[in-house]
């Protein structure tokens, strides 16, 4: 499967090795303080197979954050879904949601960065979906209110599973056939298609090389279906992390992940660690391999290695 945004270049690998093996130790020797931002993926990385954070991980990370560690997460989830999955986790640094479409202040939900499709892009993407007889979940602000809209007649087992894990979510906006023409309304920032690999591959092939989009195609972590996700080109975890790096005036990025869609995040990181359950392609691009998501790999690494920023940003 082709990585969403290309593999890691040899030049970037050499630069990272130089930073890790030579420059960083020299700076520590010279007493130069390097402000580090730690960023983790959620599903398959920080979350366990029950889509929750182990209590040990939560306790360790919260203590380190309280001591001054700059920590956040970058996820494909919405801020609402992520907040439910990470309940009790301390995140003083803004979080990255929808694979980089939004940077959100966790204390009040304020959007610090957002990316939307143009009307022309929406029309093109809709045509691709309809030509391939695929009906997406559409994430948009409709009349100023965030909605996740889909046609109920097109629900499959994968979509129903997705919906079953979001009961009570006020964003949910199911459409009967009488309202089917409302599917593509609003200021759209994200499309998700859930189905078989054979069904969704033509959509991915039609959009993946378009310079206006960031198109992701990957198997579902918890089930057998595939997901095809389409976002505006600038909506990537990597871009959002670089924005956070500027906002918080950090010198370094250390990231953690498990899947191919974390490759761009690894590319812009000074150090990057793949959990033991990660795909082989990501492990090859990683600085190192840590314990699995089930065994608190991220928290254990942070406990041993995280730099505490006493002068909090």
Protein backbone atom coordinates (compact mmCIF):
# COMPACT_ATOMS: atom_id res chain seq x y z
CA UNK A 1 0.00 0.00 0.00
CA UNK A 2 1.37 3.42 -0.97
CA UNK A 3 2.07 5.71 2.01
CA UNK A 4 -0.36 8.68 2.13
CA UNK A 5 2.35 11.28 1.59
CA UNK A 6 5.34 9.34 0.40
CA UNK A 7 8.13 7.57 2.27
CA UNK A 8 10.94 9.03 4.28
CA UNK A 9 13.75 10.38 2.09
CA UNK A 10 17.37 9.41 2.50
CA UNK A 11 18.32 13.04 3.08
CA UNK A 12 15.80 13.38 5.87
CA UNK A 13 17.02 10.17 7.50
CA UNK A 14 20.61 11.41 7.41
CA UNK A 15 19.55 14.74 8.90
CA UNK A 16 17.66 12.98 11.68
CA UNK A 17 20.62 10.73 12.50
CA UNK A 18 22.88 13.79 12.64
CA UNK A 19 20.44 15.54 15.00
CA UNK A 20 20.05 12.48 17.22
CA UNK A 21 23.61 11.13 17.30
CA UNK A 22 25.73 14.27 17.07
CA UNK A 23 23.95 17.60 17.47
CA UNK A 24 21.64 16.75 20.38
CA UNK A 25 24.41 15.23 22.57
CA UNK A 26 26.65 18.22 21.81
CA UNK A 27 23.93 20.65 22.85
CA UNK A 28 23.40 18.74 26.08
CA UNK A 29 27.16 18.79 26.71
CA UNK A 30 27.30 22.53 26.09
CA UNK A 31 24.31 23.09 28.37
CA UNK A 32 22.03 24.39 25.61
CA UNK A 33 18.41 23.90 26.61
CA UNK A 34 16.27 22.25 23.95
CA UNK A 35 12.53 22.65 24.34
CA UNK A 36 10.85 19.41 23.25
CA UNK A 37 7.26 18.72 22.23
CA UNK A 38 6.10 15.11 22.59
CA UNK A 39 3.31 14.05 20.21
CA UNK A 40 1.57 10.68 20.12
CA UNK A 41 -0.98 9.07 17.87
CA UNK A 42 -3.99 7.64 19.75
CA UNK A 43 -5.53 4.49 18.24
CA UNK A 44 -3.05 1.64 18.23
CA UNK A 45 -0.38 3.76 19.95
CA UNK A 46 -1.52 5.37 23.21
CA UNK A 47 -4.94 3.68 23.35
CA UNK A 48 -5.32 -0.01 24.10
CA UNK A 49 -7.47 -2.40 22.04
CA UNK A 50 -10.52 -1.29 24.03
CA UNK A 51 -9.97 2.28 22.75
CA UNK A 52 -9.02 3.57 26.19
CA UNK A 53 -5.81 4.63 27.95
CA UNK A 54 -4.44 2.22 30.53
CA UNK A 55 -4.52 3.71 34.02
CA UNK A 56 -0.76 3.35 34.35
CA UNK A 57 -0.18 5.40 31.17
CA UNK A 58 -2.62 8.03 32.33
CA UNK A 59 -1.00 8.40 35.74
CA UNK A 60 2.54 8.60 34.33
CA UNK A 61 1.72 11.13 31.62
CA UNK A 62 -0.37 13.32 33.92
CA UNK A 63 2.45 13.45 36.46
CA UNK A 64 5.01 14.36 33.80
CA UNK A 65 2.72 17.04 32.34
CA UNK A 66 2.24 18.50 35.79
CA UNK A 67 6.02 18.62 36.19
CA UNK A 68 6.33 20.53 32.91
CA UNK A 69 6.50 18.03 30.02
CA UNK A 70 5.04 19.45 26.80
CA UNK A 71 2.75 16.69 25.57
CA UNK A 72 -0.16 16.35 23.14
CA UNK A 73 -1.74 13.96 20.68
CA UNK A 74 -2.46 13.96 16.96
CA UNK A 75 -5.40 11.81 15.91
CA UNK A 76 -7.84 11.08 13.11
CA UNK A 77 -10.60 11.33 15.71
CA UNK A 78 -12.72 14.40 16.35
CA UNK A 79 -12.01 16.36 19.52
CA UNK A 80 -15.24 14.91 20.98
CA UNK A 81 -14.34 11.29 20.24
CA UNK A 82 -10.74 11.84 21.35
CA UNK A 83 -11.83 13.46 24.61
CA UNK A 84 -14.03 10.46 25.41
CA UNK A 85 -11.20 8.01 24.65
CA UNK A 86 -8.65 10.03 26.66
CA UNK A 87 -10.89 10.96 29.59
CA UNK A 88 -8.76 11.96 32.57
CA UNK A 89 -5.63 12.66 30.50
CA UNK A 90 -4.00 16.04 31.05
CA UNK A 91 -3.39 17.94 27.78
CA UNK A 92 -2.32 21.54 28.36
CA UNK A 93 -0.86 21.83 24.86
CA UNK A 94 -3.46 22.16 22.03
CA UNK A 95 -4.50 18.87 20.44
CA UNK A 96 -4.54 17.90 16.76
CA UNK A 97 -7.81 16.38 15.50
CA UNK A 98 -9.14 15.03 12.21
CA UNK A 99 -5.65 14.03 11.01
CA UNK A 100 -4.49 17.65 11.12
CA UNK A 101 -7.56 19.52 9.85
CA UNK A 102 -7.94 21.21 13.25
CA UNK A 103 -5.68 22.36 16.07
CA UNK A 104 -7.88 22.80 19.12
CA UNK A 105 -7.36 24.42 22.52
CA UNK A 106 -8.47 21.66 24.95
CA UNK A 107 -9.57 24.03 27.71
CA UNK A 108 -12.28 25.81 25.72
CA UNK A 109 -12.51 24.08 22.34
CA UNK A 110 -11.24 27.13 20.46
CA UNK A 111 -9.99 26.42 16.93
CA UNK A 112 -6.41 27.62 16.49
CA UNK A 113 -6.06 26.24 12.95
CA UNK A 114 -8.60 24.84 10.48
CA UNK A 115 -8.68 23.67 6.87
CA UNK A 116 -11.75 23.43 4.62
CA UNK A 117 -12.48 22.35 1.04
CA UNK A 118 -13.44 24.90 -1.58
CA UNK A 119 -16.77 24.53 -3.40
CA UNK A 120 -14.94 23.41 -6.54
CA UNK A 121 -13.04 20.74 -4.61
CA UNK A 122 -16.25 19.52 -2.98
CA UNK A 123 -17.87 19.16 -6.41
CA UNK A 124 -14.93 17.18 -7.77
CA UNK A 125 -14.78 14.83 -4.77
CA UNK A 126 -18.54 14.29 -4.89
CA UNK A 127 -18.27 13.31 -8.57
CA UNK A 128 -15.57 10.74 -7.73
CA UNK A 129 -17.72 9.23 -4.98
CA UNK A 130 -20.79 9.04 -7.19
CA UNK A 131 -18.89 7.59 -10.15
CA UNK A 132 -17.69 4.78 -7.88
CA UNK A 133 -21.04 4.38 -6.07
CA UNK A 134 -19.50 5.19 -2.69
CA UNK A 135 -21.41 7.23 -0.12
CA UNK A 136 -19.21 8.90 2.55
CA UNK A 137 -19.64 10.25 6.02
CA UNK A 138 -19.32 14.01 5.54
CA UNK A 139 -17.80 16.15 8.29
CA UNK A 140 -18.81 19.79 7.99
CA UNK A 141 -20.02 22.87 9.77
CA UNK A 142 -23.66 23.31 8.75
CA UNK A 143 -25.08 26.68 9.76
CA UNK A 144 -22.18 27.04 12.18
CA UNK A 145 -22.76 23.66 13.87
CA UNK A 146 -20.42 20.69 13.45
CA UNK A 147 -22.20 17.75 11.85
CA UNK A 148 -21.34 14.23 10.68
CA UNK A 149 -23.80 13.46 7.91
CA UNK A 150 -24.53 10.21 6.07
CA UNK A 151 -27.32 8.50 4.15
CA UNK A 152 -28.89 5.77 6.27
CA UNK A 153 -29.75 3.67 3.21
CA UNK A 154 -26.01 3.24 2.48
CA UNK A 155 -25.03 1.99 5.95
CA UNK A 156 -22.88 -1.15 6.05
CA UNK A 157 -21.50 -3.14 8.98
CA UNK A 158 -18.41 -0.96 9.24
CA UNK A 159 -20.43 2.27 9.34
CA UNK A 160 -22.85 0.80 11.88
CA UNK A 161 -19.91 -0.21 14.09
CA UNK A 162 -18.48 3.31 13.81
CA UNK A 163 -21.86 4.79 14.80
CA UNK A 164 -22.35 2.33 17.67
CA UNK A 165 -19.21 3.72 19.32
CA UNK A 166 -20.56 7.27 19.12
CA UNK A 167 -23.99 6.94 20.69
CA UNK A 168 -25.20 10.24 22.09
CA UNK A 169 -22.80 12.24 19.90
CA UNK A 170 -24.71 15.40 18.98
CA UNK A 171 -22.80 15.77 15.72
CA UNK A 172 -24.53 12.75 14.21
CA UNK A 173 -26.87 13.78 11.37
CA UNK A 174 -28.47 10.75 9.63
CA UNK A 175 -30.35 11.40 6.40
CA UNK A 176 -33.36 9.47 5.18
CA UNK A 177 -33.99 9.32 1.43
CA UNK A 178 -36.25 12.37 1.67
CA UNK A 179 -33.25 14.43 2.83
CA UNK A 180 -30.55 12.67 0.78
CA UNK A 181 -29.68 15.83 -1.16
CA UNK A 182 -28.42 17.45 2.09
CA UNK A 183 -25.38 15.15 2.28
CA UNK A 184 -22.88 17.63 0.85
CA UNK A 185 -24.10 20.82 2.54
CA UNK A 186 -21.97 23.06 4.76
CA UNK A 187 -18.31 23.99 5.17
CA UNK A 188 -16.72 20.58 4.66
CA UNK A 189 -13.33 19.59 6.05
CA UNK A 190 -13.29 15.78 6.03
CA UNK A 191 -14.74 12.78 4.19
CA UNK A 192 -14.63 9.23 5.50
CA UNK A 193 -15.59 6.15 3.49
CA UNK A 194 -15.82 2.78 5.24
CA UNK A 195 -16.07 -0.47 3.28
CA UNK A 196 -14.16 -3.27 1.62
CA UNK A 197 -10.74 -2.71 0.08
CA UNK A 198 -12.10 -3.55 -3.37
CA UNK A 199 -14.94 -1.04 -3.01
CA UNK A 200 -12.80 1.88 -1.83
CA UNK A 201 -9.54 1.38 -3.75
CA UNK A 202 -10.88 3.07 -6.95
CA UNK A 203 -11.74 6.18 -4.93
CA UNK A 204 -8.26 6.28 -3.43
CA UNK A 205 -6.63 5.77 -6.82
CA UNK A 206 -8.70 8.62 -8.29
CA UNK A 207 -7.74 11.11 -5.56
CA UNK A 208 -4.35 10.11 -4.09
CA UNK A 209 -2.19 11.97 -6.61
CA UNK A 210 -4.26 15.16 -6.69
CA UNK A 211 -2.15 17.96 -5.20
CA UNK A 212 -5.23 19.60 -3.67
CA UNK A 213 -6.05 16.69 -1.36
CA UNK A 214 -4.57 14.57 1.38
CA UNK A 215 -6.03 11.11 0.72
CA UNK A 216 -5.46 8.26 3.22
CA UNK A 217 -6.24 4.59 2.65
CA UNK A 218 -5.74 2.01 5.38
CA UNK A 219 -7.32 -0.98 7.15
CA UNK A 220 -9.47 -0.35 10.20
CA UNK A 221 -7.52 -1.05 13.41
CA UNK A 222 -10.35 -2.81 15.22
CA UNK A 223 -12.19 -4.49 12.31
CA UNK A 224 -11.69 -5.98 8.83
CA UNK A 225 -12.97 -3.00 6.80
CA UNK A 226 -10.84 -0.36 5.07
CA UNK A 227 -11.12 3.41 5.45
CA UNK A 228 -10.57 5.97 2.71
CA UNK A 229 -10.29 9.48 4.12
CA UNK A 230 -10.06 12.71 2.13
CA UNK A 231 -8.90 16.05 3.57
CA UNK A 232 -7.62 19.36 2.20
CA UNK A 233 -3.93 19.07 1.26
CA UNK A 234 -2.66 21.20 4.14
CA UNK A 235 -4.61 19.10 6.65
CA UNK A 236 -1.92 16.65 7.81
CA UNK A 237 -0.60 15.68 11.21
CA UNK A 238 2.85 16.80 10.07
CA UNK A 239 1.73 20.32 9.11
CA UNK A 240 -0.27 20.72 12.31
CA UNK A 241 2.66 19.56 14.45
CA UNK A 242 4.96 22.08 12.77
CA UNK A 243 2.41 24.81 13.56
CA UNK A 244 2.37 23.73 17.21
CA UNK A 245 6.15 23.71 17.23
CA UNK A 246 6.11 27.37 16.18
CA UNK A 247 3.29 28.36 18.56
CA UNK A 248 5.04 26.82 21.56
CA UNK A 249 8.54 27.83 20.40
CA UNK A 250 9.90 24.30 20.64
CA UNK A 251 13.28 23.17 19.33
CA UNK A 252 12.52 19.48 18.89
CA UNK A 253 9.70 17.06 18.13
CA UNK A 254 9.50 13.51 19.47
CA UNK A 255 6.61 11.44 18.10
CA UNK A 256 5.01 8.02 18.59
CA UNK A 257 2.90 6.03 16.14
CA UNK A 258 1.76 2.67 14.79
CA UNK A 259 0.49 2.99 11.19
CA UNK A 260 1.58 4.13 7.72
CA UNK A 261 -0.41 7.35 8.07
CA UNK A 262 2.07 8.29 10.84
CA UNK A 263 5.00 8.31 8.36
CA UNK A 264 4.71 12.05 7.54
CA UNK A 265 4.66 12.80 11.29
CA UNK A 266 7.82 10.70 11.69
CA UNK A 267 9.49 12.56 8.81
CA UNK A 268 9.29 15.93 10.56
CA UNK A 269 10.26 14.57 13.99
CA UNK A 270 13.75 14.73 15.49
CA UNK A 271 13.08 11.39 17.15
CA UNK A 272 10.25 8.99 16.33
CA UNK A 273 9.26 5.73 18.01
CA UNK A 274 7.05 2.95 16.73
CA UNK A 275 5.14 0.79 19.20
CA UNK A 276 5.84 -2.96 19.02
CA UNK A 277 2.47 -3.55 17.36
CA UNK A 278 3.19 -1.04 14.57
CA UNK A 279 3.34 -1.98 10.90
CA UNK A 280 6.78 -2.92 9.56
CA UNK A 281 6.96 0.09 7.23
CA UNK A 282 6.73 2.48 10.18
CA UNK A 283 9.22 0.48 12.25
CA UNK A 284 11.78 0.84 9.46
CA UNK A 285 11.41 4.65 9.59
CA UNK A 286 11.56 4.85 13.39
CA UNK A 287 14.41 5.95 15.64
CA UNK A 288 13.55 2.96 17.80
CA UNK A 289 10.89 0.42 18.77
CA UNK A 290 9.14 0.70 22.13
CA UNK A 291 6.73 -1.60 23.95
CA UNK A 292 3.22 -2.10 22.54
CA UNK A 293 0.14 0.01 23.16
CA UNK A 294 -1.20 -2.72 25.48
CA UNK A 295 2.01 -2.60 27.52
CA UNK A 296 2.11 1.21 28.02
CA UNK A 297 4.99 1.69 25.58
CA UNK A 298 4.60 5.45 25.17
CA UNK A 299 4.27 6.15 28.90
CA UNK A 300 7.22 3.94 29.81
CA UNK A 301 9.45 5.66 27.24
CA UNK A 302 8.38 9.11 28.47
CA UNK A 303 9.01 8.16 32.10
CA UNK A 304 12.58 7.19 31.25
CA UNK A 305 13.44 9.84 28.66
CA UNK A 306 11.14 12.88 28.64
CA UNK A 307 12.65 16.31 29.11
CA UNK A 308 10.75 18.36 31.66
CA UNK A 309 10.24 21.98 30.64
CA UNK A 310 10.39 23.91 33.92
CA UNK A 311 9.62 27.23 32.22
CA UNK A 312 6.21 26.20 30.90
CA UNK A 313 5.01 27.69 27.63
